[in-house]
Protein backbone atom coordinates (compact mmCIF):
# COMPACT_ATOMS: atom_id res chain seq x y z
CA UNK A 1 -23.11 48.38 -69.54
CA UNK A 2 -21.30 48.17 -66.10
CA UNK A 3 -23.47 45.26 -65.50
CA UNK A 4 -22.95 43.14 -68.69
CA UNK A 5 -19.04 44.09 -68.14
CA UNK A 6 -19.25 42.50 -64.45
CA UNK A 7 -20.80 39.68 -65.93
CA UNK A 8 -19.00 38.68 -68.81
CA UNK A 9 -15.83 39.39 -65.95
CA UNK A 10 -17.64 36.98 -63.77
CA UNK A 11 -18.40 34.33 -66.75
CA UNK A 12 -14.39 34.62 -67.71
CA UNK A 13 -13.38 34.28 -64.27
CA UNK A 14 -15.37 31.07 -63.68
CA UNK A 15 -14.17 29.39 -67.06
CA UNK A 16 -10.42 30.17 -65.78
CA UNK A 17 -10.88 28.65 -62.32
CA UNK A 18 -12.77 25.76 -64.07
CA UNK A 19 -9.48 25.60 -66.78
CA UNK A 20 -7.39 25.74 -63.78
CA UNK A 21 -9.05 23.13 -61.90
CA UNK A 22 -9.28 20.90 -65.14
CA UNK A 23 -5.63 21.38 -65.59
CA UNK A 24 -4.91 20.78 -62.12
CA UNK A 25 -6.75 17.52 -62.35
CA UNK A 26 -4.76 16.03 -65.21
CA UNK A 27 -1.56 16.90 -63.67
CA UNK A 28 -2.57 15.17 -60.20
CA UNK A 29 -3.82 11.66 -62.25
CA UNK A 30 -0.95 11.99 -64.45
CA UNK A 31 1.29 11.98 -61.63
CA UNK A 32 -0.67 9.25 -59.71
CA UNK A 33 -1.08 7.13 -63.01
CA UNK A 34 3.32 7.36 -63.54
CA UNK A 35 3.67 5.75 -60.41
CA UNK A 36 1.37 2.72 -60.81
CA UNK A 37 2.96 -0.46 -61.78
CA UNK A 38 2.32 -1.38 -65.32
CA UNK A 39 3.28 -4.99 -64.71
CA UNK A 40 1.68 -7.48 -62.71
CA UNK A 41 3.55 -9.16 -60.07
CA UNK A 42 3.20 -12.51 -61.82
CA UNK A 43 3.16 -11.29 -65.62
CA UNK A 44 5.68 -13.89 -66.73
CA UNK A 45 3.04 -16.47 -66.13
CA UNK A 46 1.02 -14.97 -69.05
CA UNK A 47 3.99 -15.69 -71.29
CA UNK A 48 3.52 -18.66 -73.84
CA UNK A 49 6.13 -20.78 -75.75
CA UNK A 50 6.79 -24.16 -76.93
CA UNK A 51 10.30 -23.97 -77.10
CA UNK A 52 11.88 -25.74 -73.71
CA UNK A 53 14.21 -23.05 -72.51
CA UNK A 54 12.60 -20.11 -73.49
CA UNK A 55 9.71 -21.18 -71.62
CA UNK A 56 11.94 -22.04 -68.55
CA UNK A 57 14.28 -18.95 -68.40
CA UNK A 58 10.87 -16.60 -68.96
CA UNK A 59 9.92 -17.86 -65.67
CA UNK A 60 11.30 -17.89 -62.07
CA UNK A 61 15.05 -18.69 -61.24
CA UNK A 62 15.81 -20.88 -58.17
CA UNK A 63 16.64 -17.58 -55.98
CA UNK A 64 15.07 -15.67 -53.31
CA UNK A 65 15.02 -12.02 -53.51
CA UNK A 66 15.27 -8.97 -51.81
CA UNK A 67 15.36 -5.09 -52.71
CA UNK A 68 16.56 -1.92 -51.66
CA UNK A 69 15.65 1.61 -52.74
CA UNK A 70 18.46 4.62 -52.37
CA UNK A 71 17.42 8.28 -53.27
CA UNK A 72 19.83 9.77 -55.44
CA UNK A 73 21.16 13.40 -55.03
CA UNK A 74 20.12 13.53 -58.82
CA UNK A 75 16.67 14.66 -59.54
CA UNK A 76 16.80 13.28 -62.89
CA UNK A 77 17.60 9.99 -61.54
CA UNK A 78 15.28 10.01 -58.39
CA UNK A 79 15.82 6.69 -57.01
CA UNK A 80 18.33 3.92 -57.70
CA UNK A 81 16.10 0.58 -57.15
CA UNK A 82 18.02 -2.59 -56.83
CA UNK A 83 17.32 -6.14 -56.60
CA UNK A 84 19.32 -8.92 -55.44
CA UNK A 85 19.35 -12.45 -54.31
CA UNK A 86 18.41 -12.75 -50.35
CA UNK A 87 21.32 -14.91 -49.62
CA UNK A 88 23.77 -12.37 -50.62
CA UNK A 89 23.41 -10.69 -46.94
CA UNK A 90 24.31 -13.95 -45.43
CA UNK A 91 27.45 -15.19 -47.35
CA UNK A 92 30.65 -13.90 -49.05
CA UNK A 93 29.52 -14.73 -52.51
CA UNK A 94 29.82 -11.92 -55.32
CA UNK A 95 26.79 -11.81 -58.11
CA UNK A 96 27.08 -10.87 -61.67
CA UNK A 97 25.02 -7.27 -62.01
CA UNK A 98 22.45 -6.28 -64.86
CA UNK A 99 21.94 -2.81 -65.47
CA UNK A 100 18.38 -1.79 -66.60
CA UNK A 101 17.64 1.35 -68.81
CA UNK A 102 14.18 2.59 -68.97
CA UNK A 103 12.25 3.19 -71.97
CA UNK A 104 10.28 6.50 -72.76
CA UNK A 105 8.32 7.93 -69.89
CA UNK A 106 9.00 4.78 -67.72
CA UNK A 107 10.89 4.53 -64.43
CA UNK A 108 12.01 1.37 -62.76
CA UNK A 109 8.86 1.79 -60.06
CA UNK A 110 6.84 0.60 -62.87
CA UNK A 111 7.95 -2.31 -63.98
CA UNK A 112 9.48 -3.79 -60.36
CA UNK A 113 8.30 -7.15 -61.24
CA UNK A 114 10.93 -7.59 -64.14
CA UNK A 115 13.39 -7.00 -61.98
CA UNK A 116 12.31 -9.34 -59.04
CA UNK A 117 12.20 -11.90 -62.00
CA UNK A 118 15.63 -11.40 -63.66
CA UNK A 119 16.76 -11.50 -60.14
CA UNK A 120 15.74 -14.93 -59.18
CA UNK A 121 18.06 -16.26 -61.38
CA UNK A 122 21.07 -15.15 -59.47
CA UNK A 123 21.81 -11.54 -60.49
CA UNK A 124 22.10 -8.22 -58.71
CA UNK A 125 19.47 -6.34 -60.90
CA UNK A 126 19.80 -2.30 -60.72
CA UNK A 127 17.50 0.27 -62.34
CA UNK A 128 16.51 4.12 -61.70
CA UNK A 129 13.60 6.23 -62.02
CA UNK A 130 15.06 8.48 -65.07
CA UNK A 131 12.19 8.34 -67.38
CA UNK A 132 14.12 10.03 -70.13
CA UNK A 133 17.10 7.82 -70.39
CA UNK A 134 17.89 7.70 -74.23
CA UNK A 135 21.72 10.02 -73.41
CA UNK A 136 23.11 7.30 -71.01
CA UNK A 137 24.26 9.46 -68.37
CA UNK A 138 21.95 8.46 -65.65
CA UNK A 139 22.44 5.15 -66.55
CA UNK A 140 26.60 5.47 -66.26
CA UNK A 141 25.75 7.36 -62.68
CA UNK A 142 23.79 4.57 -61.58
CA UNK A 143 26.77 2.30 -62.49
CA UNK A 144 28.96 4.61 -60.59
CA UNK A 145 27.12 4.19 -57.88
CA UNK A 146 26.77 0.44 -57.49
CA UNK A 147 30.62 0.43 -58.32
CA UNK A 148 30.97 2.82 -55.01
CA UNK A 149 28.99 0.52 -53.05
CA UNK A 150 31.25 -2.55 -53.83
CA UNK A 151 33.98 -0.42 -52.25
CA UNK A 152 32.08 0.72 -49.19
CA UNK A 153 32.34 -1.56 -46.10
CA UNK A 154 29.68 -0.03 -44.86
CA UNK A 155 27.32 -0.84 -47.67
CA UNK A 156 25.12 -3.88 -48.04
CA UNK A 157 27.10 -4.44 -51.65
CA UNK A 158 30.35 -4.32 -50.30
CA UNK A 159 32.44 -6.94 -52.32
CA UNK A 160 29.41 -8.37 -53.71
CA UNK A 161 29.23 -7.52 -57.17
CA UNK A 162 31.54 -9.38 -60.06
CA UNK A 163 32.76 -6.52 -61.55
CA UNK A 164 33.93 -8.49 -64.60
CA UNK A 165 30.34 -9.63 -65.32
CA UNK A 166 28.58 -6.70 -65.98
CA UNK A 167 25.53 -6.70 -68.16
CA UNK A 168 23.25 -3.65 -69.83
CA UNK A 169 19.63 -4.08 -71.23
CA UNK A 170 17.71 -1.67 -72.18
CA UNK A 171 14.45 -1.17 -74.26
CA UNK A 172 13.15 1.36 -76.88
CA UNK A 173 14.36 4.76 -75.89
CA UNK A 174 16.41 2.74 -73.15
CA UNK A 175 18.28 0.62 -75.94
CA UNK A 176 19.71 3.61 -77.80
CA UNK A 177 20.65 4.80 -73.52
CA UNK A 178 22.09 1.51 -73.02
CA UNK A 179 24.30 1.72 -76.53
CA UNK A 180 25.38 5.07 -75.50
CA UNK A 181 26.18 4.18 -72.14
CA UNK A 182 28.82 1.44 -73.24
CA UNK A 183 29.73 3.63 -76.07
CA UNK A 184 30.12 6.85 -75.14
CA UNK A 185 30.45 6.88 -71.24
CA UNK A 186 33.83 6.85 -69.52
CA UNK A 187 32.81 3.57 -67.68
CA UNK A 188 31.21 2.15 -70.66
CA UNK A 189 33.96 -0.21 -70.99
CA UNK A 190 32.68 -2.22 -68.02
CA UNK A 191 29.98 -3.81 -69.62
CA UNK A 192 30.85 -7.32 -70.60
CA UNK A 193 27.47 -7.54 -72.75
CA UNK A 194 24.43 -5.64 -73.98
CA UNK A 195 20.88 -6.83 -74.67
CA UNK A 196 18.31 -4.05 -76.58
CA UNK A 197 14.82 -4.57 -77.18
CA UNK A 198 13.75 -2.23 -79.76
CA UNK A 199 16.21 0.15 -79.18
CA UNK A 200 15.27 3.18 -81.29
CA UNK A 201 16.81 3.46 -84.63
CA UNK A 202 20.01 5.72 -85.32
CA UNK A 203 17.92 8.61 -86.93
CA UNK A 204 15.27 8.91 -84.12
CA UNK A 205 17.62 8.55 -81.45
CA UNK A 206 19.80 11.36 -82.70
CA UNK A 207 17.01 13.55 -80.19
CA UNK A 208 19.43 11.92 -77.66
CA UNK A 209 22.64 12.41 -79.23
CA UNK A 210 22.50 9.57 -81.61
CA UNK A 211 24.86 6.46 -81.36
CA UNK A 212 27.27 4.47 -83.33
CA UNK A 213 26.73 0.83 -83.85
CA UNK A 214 30.09 0.09 -84.66
CA UNK A 215 31.69 1.31 -81.24
CA UNK A 216 30.25 -1.69 -79.76
CA UNK A 217 32.54 -4.39 -79.03
CA UNK A 218 30.78 -6.67 -76.77
CA UNK A 219 28.44 -9.44 -77.27
CA UNK A 220 25.34 -7.77 -78.51
CA UNK A 221 21.87 -9.21 -78.71
CA UNK A 222 18.90 -6.97 -80.66
CA UNK A 223 15.81 -7.58 -80.94
CA UNK A 224 12.71 -6.03 -82.26
CA UNK A 225 8.94 -6.79 -82.94
CA UNK A 226 7.23 -7.38 -86.22
CA UNK A 227 4.39 -5.44 -85.44
CA UNK A 228 3.52 -1.88 -87.13
CA UNK A 229 4.34 0.04 -84.00
CA UNK A 230 8.04 -1.19 -84.56
CA UNK A 231 8.18 -1.44 -88.11
CA UNK A 232 5.67 0.31 -90.36
CA UNK A 233 7.00 -0.84 -93.88
CA UNK A 234 8.76 2.71 -94.72
CA UNK A 235 11.87 3.32 -95.57
CA UNK A 236 12.71 6.86 -95.72
CA UNK A 237 13.19 8.04 -92.11
CA UNK A 238 13.85 11.86 -93.09
CA UNK A 239 9.98 11.86 -94.37
CA UNK A 240 8.08 9.08 -93.26
CA UNK A 241 7.37 7.49 -89.55
CA UNK A 242 9.36 4.23 -89.63
CA UNK A 243 8.56 2.49 -86.33
CA UNK A 244 10.58 2.78 -83.41
CA UNK A 245 13.09 0.01 -84.48
CA UNK A 246 12.22 -1.23 -87.59
CA UNK A 247 14.16 -4.52 -89.30
CA UNK A 248 16.20 -1.96 -91.15
CA UNK A 249 17.87 -0.59 -87.87
CA UNK A 250 18.56 -4.24 -86.67
CA UNK A 251 20.25 -5.13 -90.19
CA UNK A 252 22.23 -1.90 -89.80
CA UNK A 253 23.39 -2.06 -86.55
CA UNK A 254 24.23 -5.91 -87.14
CA UNK A 255 26.30 -4.99 -89.93
CA UNK A 256 28.03 -2.12 -88.11
CA UNK A 257 29.17 -4.15 -85.59
CA UNK A 258 32.74 -5.97 -85.73
CA UNK A 259 32.32 -9.52 -87.26
CA UNK A 260 34.90 -10.40 -84.03
CA UNK A 261 32.42 -9.93 -81.41
CA UNK A 262 29.54 -12.13 -80.83
CA UNK A 263 26.04 -10.72 -82.45
CA UNK A 264 22.69 -11.82 -82.74
CA UNK A 265 19.59 -10.46 -84.33
CA UNK A 266 16.06 -11.86 -84.19
CA UNK A 267 12.37 -10.13 -84.23
CA UNK A 268 9.46 -11.59 -81.98
CA UNK A 269 6.93 -12.47 -84.70
CA UNK A 270 3.47 -11.34 -84.22
CA UNK A 271 4.70 -8.50 -81.44
CA UNK A 272 4.23 -5.02 -80.96
CA UNK A 273 6.50 -2.43 -79.59
CA UNK A 274 4.99 -2.52 -75.95
CA UNK A 275 5.02 -6.37 -75.46
CA UNK A 276 8.71 -6.78 -75.98
CA UNK A 277 9.93 -6.62 -72.50
CA UNK A 278 7.72 -9.51 -71.77
CA UNK A 279 8.18 -11.42 -75.17
CA UNK A 280 11.83 -10.93 -75.09
CA UNK A 281 12.39 -12.12 -71.14
CA UNK A 282 13.11 -15.56 -71.56
CA UNK A 283 16.02 -15.35 -74.36
CA UNK A 284 17.14 -12.28 -72.37
CA UNK A 285 17.68 -14.06 -69.56
CA UNK A 286 19.40 -16.83 -71.38
CA UNK A 287 21.81 -14.45 -72.48
CA UNK A 288 22.74 -12.76 -69.46
CA UNK A 289 23.04 -16.54 -67.80
CA UNK A 290 25.29 -17.93 -70.50
CA UNK A 291 27.30 -14.05 -71.29
CA UNK A 292 27.77 -13.46 -67.20
CA UNK A 293 27.33 -16.94 -65.60
CA UNK A 294 28.85 -19.28 -68.13
CA UNK A 295 25.55 -21.32 -68.18
CA UNK A 296 26.38 -23.66 -71.01
CA UNK A 297 22.62 -25.18 -70.89
CA UNK A 298 20.86 -21.33 -71.20
CA UNK A 299 23.96 -20.81 -74.56
CA UNK A 300 21.95 -23.65 -75.65
CA UNK A 301 18.77 -21.25 -76.64
CA UNK A 302 21.11 -19.23 -78.33
CA UNK A 303 24.28 -20.40 -79.56
CA UNK A 304 25.47 -22.48 -82.37
CA UNK A 305 24.22 -24.42 -85.58
CA UNK A 306 21.55 -26.05 -83.13
CA UNK A 307 20.43 -23.00 -80.87
CA UNK A 308 16.94 -23.44 -79.89
CA UNK A 309 16.13 -19.75 -81.13
CA UNK A 310 16.46 -21.03 -84.76
CA UNK A 311 13.74 -23.33 -84.58
CA UNK A 312 11.32 -21.41 -82.58
CA UNK A 313 7.82 -20.32 -83.92
CA UNK A 314 8.55 -17.21 -81.85
CA UNK A 315 11.08 -15.64 -83.35
CA UNK A 316 11.87 -14.84 -87.29
CA UNK A 317 14.43 -12.84 -89.24
CA UNK A 318 17.39 -14.08 -87.13
CA UNK A 319 20.89 -13.59 -88.13
CA UNK A 320 24.20 -14.81 -86.20
CA UNK A 321 27.55 -15.17 -86.27
CA UNK A 322 28.50 -17.85 -83.55
């Protein structure tokens, strides 16, 4: 009997060791995967559009780009990652800035090519490695850090940020985080404009504190995908999965916002949730160029009754008040 118990004990021990090894392997693999880029360096070359301005602004701009990574004292943020026009180091100019809020389980390190491409249009672009950004706090802290650098004579960014022209862009959970950063954080009033890609609908966003779209008082370009991942066609969020950003949520947010502020809602035709970053790049960039740099050509993509987006087969369900 003792021999049998000993054998059973050994078998159990071996099983436990195997489980520990498997769990350890999976944890290590998950960590390694989380550090990998999920956007190719030239990802934007894969984008297709028959519309001239969308195609133009989805590509590279005319600025060479440099970057800097700063380790944050906040473990949630991890690292603050900054991309900027290389010429900034050798002139006295200041540059508009775009703060980017990550989607769920995504860090800025996973899509560095996105930041580099946007910075090539003349922006300082900043993000962090917070993988759960929906509350908006880490974004607010990242903005505070950059504003401190703008006043620090020993910093590369000393007097290089145009503090009158700061935008924010967020995707998925990060869309909810961007709305909260603008409306709930003390420094939210410093943002001049907001772009959201498939921002989590208001009921889903309650897990990060929720948001009130009626509090947004700056120009807002809100987008979503038409695919099932964003819109299942269900109508009752308390009983069914609606998708991340159904058309109803865009309409709800659009209608909640004041008509006295420029607002634009649109969906990317035939797109799924995970494609939104690449497929909105062109008009997101045009939006930031118009709002933060006053670029009139970029504005033609989105502004007025002849705006390019209105006749672009890549987009549908468009409503705007300018």
